[in-house]
Amino acid sequence: MWPVEIEIYEPDAEPTRSRARARLRTHDKTLLEGRGEAGCHSRHGTVQVSREMAAARALTDLAHQLFELAATEDAAACGRGL
């Protein structure tokens, strides 16, 4: 099991803007941190939508980093003949 921690916050100066960090420690204790940001630009939008979008973007960033890490490790393992 690899738990992911998501922290969501709104900067004080921008109450309609949300930011998120998604953190994951891999099997070898490497810490990956994805970041996301979103704003509520519609008069009908809510802060909750902004938070959800920021979290989704942070998770997407984290997923890309994990993919890159795995691809790098795979290439290194193939290069060593493992």
C-alpha atoms as a PDB file:
ATOM      1  CA  MET A   1       0.000   0.000   0.000  1.00  0.00           C
ATOM      2  CA  TRP A   2       1.268   3.478  -0.922  1.00  0.00           C
ATOM      3  CA  PRO A   3      -0.824   6.146   0.774  1.00  0.00           C
ATOM      4  CA  VAL A   4      -1.002   9.542  -0.901  1.00  0.00           C
ATOM      5  CA  GLU A   5      -1.379  12.637   1.254  1.00  0.00           C
ATOM      6  CA  ILE A   6      -3.216  15.593  -0.299  1.00  0.00           C
ATOM      7  CA  GLU A   7      -2.985  19.024   1.276  1.00  0.00           C
ATOM      8  CA  ILE A   8      -5.361  21.709  -0.017  1.00  0.00           C
ATOM      9  CA  TYR A   9      -5.141  25.354   0.895  1.00  0.00           C
ATOM     10  CA  GLU A  10      -6.269  28.783  -0.240  1.00  0.00           C
ATOM     11  CA  PRO A  11      -3.822  31.685  -0.169  1.00  0.00           C
ATOM     12  CA  ASP A  12      -5.182  34.443   2.093  1.00  0.00           C
ATOM     13  CA  ALA A  13      -5.004  37.075  -0.635  1.00  0.00           C
ATOM     14  CA  GLU A  14      -6.880  34.870  -3.133  1.00  0.00           C
ATOM     15  CA  PRO A  15      -9.945  33.263  -1.518  1.00  0.00           C
ATOM     16  CA  THR A  16     -11.241  32.018  -4.899  1.00  0.00           C
ATOM     17  CA  ARG A  17      -7.956  30.255  -5.722  1.00  0.00           C
ATOM     18  CA  SER A  18      -7.002  26.827  -4.355  1.00  0.00           C
ATOM     19  CA  ARG A  19      -3.644  25.109  -4.315  1.00  0.00           C
ATOM     20  CA  ALA A  20      -2.902  21.470  -3.578  1.00  0.00           C
ATOM     21  CA  ARG A  21       0.087  19.243  -2.878  1.00  0.00           C
ATOM     22  CA  ALA A  22      -0.054  15.480  -3.299  1.00  0.00           C
ATOM     23  CA  ARG A  23       2.770  13.559  -1.598  1.00  0.00           C
ATOM     24  CA  LEU A  24       3.816   9.951  -2.043  1.00  0.00           C
ATOM     25  CA  ARG A  25       6.692   7.970  -0.571  1.00  0.00           C
ATOM     26  CA  THR A  26       7.701   5.126  -2.849  1.00  0.00           C
ATOM     27  CA  HIS A  27       8.899   1.655  -1.869  1.00  0.00           C
ATOM     28  CA  ASP A  28      12.488   2.937  -1.567  1.00  0.00           C
ATOM     29  CA  LYS A  29      11.388   5.988   0.472  1.00  0.00           C
ATOM     30  CA  THR A  30      11.713   8.449  -2.439  1.00  0.00           C
ATOM     31  CA  LEU A  31       9.399  11.388  -1.787  1.00  0.00           C
ATOM     32  CA  LEU A  32       7.428  12.650  -4.779  1.00  0.00           C
ATOM     33  CA  GLU A  33       5.303  15.783  -4.562  1.00  0.00           C
ATOM     34  CA  GLY A  34       2.793  16.857  -7.173  1.00  0.00           C
ATOM     35  CA  ARG A  35       1.362  20.358  -7.241  1.00  0.00           C
ATOM     36  CA  GLY A  36      -1.874  21.740  -8.599  1.00  0.00           C
ATOM     37  CA  GLU A  37      -3.701  25.029  -8.676  1.00  0.00           C
ATOM     38  CA  ALA A  38      -7.169  26.142  -9.711  1.00  0.00           C
ATOM     39  CA  GLY A  39      -9.336  29.191  -9.486  1.00  0.00           C
ATOM     40  CA  CYS A  40     -13.042  29.749  -9.329  1.00  0.00           C
ATOM     41  CA  HIS A  41     -13.638  32.197 -12.171  1.00  0.00           C
ATOM     42  CA  SER A  42     -17.376  31.786 -12.511  1.00  0.00           C
ATOM     43  CA  ARG A  43     -19.837  33.630 -10.332  1.00  0.00           C
ATOM     44  CA  HIS A  44     -21.689  30.311 -10.086  1.00  0.00           C
ATOM     45  CA  GLY A  45     -18.596  28.290  -9.167  1.00  0.00           C
ATOM     46  CA  THR A  46     -17.741  27.258  -5.658  1.00  0.00           C
ATOM     47  CA  VAL A  47     -14.556  27.013  -3.665  1.00  0.00           C
ATOM     48  CA  GLN A  48     -15.200  23.251  -3.447  1.00  0.00           C
ATOM     49  CA  VAL A  49     -14.881  22.936  -7.237  1.00  0.00           C
ATOM     50  CA  SER A  50     -11.631  24.906  -7.085  1.00  0.00           C
ATOM     51  CA  ARG A  51     -10.316  22.560  -4.374  1.00  0.00           C
ATOM     52  CA  GLU A  52     -11.286  19.458  -6.329  1.00  0.00           C
ATOM     53  CA  MET A  53      -9.648  20.755  -9.506  1.00  0.00           C
ATOM     54  CA  ALA A  54      -6.457  21.706  -7.640  1.00  0.00           C
ATOM     55  CA  ALA A  55      -6.314  18.235  -6.046  1.00  0.00           C
ATOM     56  CA  ALA A  56      -6.886  16.551  -9.412  1.00  0.00           C
ATOM     57  CA  ARG A  57      -4.086  18.579 -10.968  1.00  0.00           C
ATOM     58  CA  ALA A  58      -1.742  17.740  -8.085  1.00  0.00           C
ATOM     59  CA  LEU A  59      -2.514  14.033  -8.508  1.00  0.00           C
ATOM     60  CA  THR A  60      -1.925  14.293 -12.260  1.00  0.00           C
ATOM     61  CA  ASP A  61       1.441  15.957 -11.640  1.00  0.00           C
ATOM     62  CA  LEU A  62       2.300  13.244  -9.124  1.00  0.00           C
ATOM     63  CA  ALA A  63       1.313  10.515 -11.596  1.00  0.00           C
ATOM     64  CA  HIS A  64       3.598  11.998 -14.263  1.00  0.00           C
ATOM     65  CA  GLN A  65       6.490  12.098 -11.805  1.00  0.00           C
ATOM     66  CA  LEU A  66       5.892   8.490 -10.765  1.00  0.00           C
ATOM     67  CA  PHE A  67       5.784   7.421 -14.406  1.00  0.00           C
ATOM     68  CA  GLU A  68       9.076   9.210 -15.106  1.00  0.00           C
ATOM     69  CA  LEU A  69      10.692   7.628 -12.046  1.00  0.00           C
ATOM     70  CA  ALA A  70       9.520   4.159 -13.077  1.00  0.00           C
ATOM     71  CA  ALA A  71      10.680   4.678 -16.676  1.00  0.00           C
ATOM     72  CA  THR A  72      14.108   5.826 -15.484  1.00  0.00           C
ATOM     73  CA  GLU A  73      14.438   2.854 -13.139  1.00  0.00           C
ATOM     74  CA  ASP A  74      13.285   0.488 -15.881  1.00  0.00           C
ATOM     75  CA  ALA A  75      15.812   1.888 -18.356  1.00  0.00           C
ATOM     76  CA  ALA A  76      18.586   1.569 -15.774  1.00  0.00           C
ATOM     77  CA  ALA A  77      17.596  -2.023 -14.969  1.00  0.00           C
ATOM     78  CA  CYS A  78      17.483  -2.960 -18.657  1.00  0.00           C
ATOM     79  CA  GLY A  79      20.873  -1.364 -19.178  1.00  0.00           C
ATOM     80  CA  ARG A  80      22.337  -3.541 -16.423  1.00  0.00           C
ATOM     81  CA  GLY A  81      20.681  -6.648 -17.809  1.00  0.00           C
ATOM     82  CA  LEU A  82      18.391  -7.182 -14.826  1.00  0.00           C
END
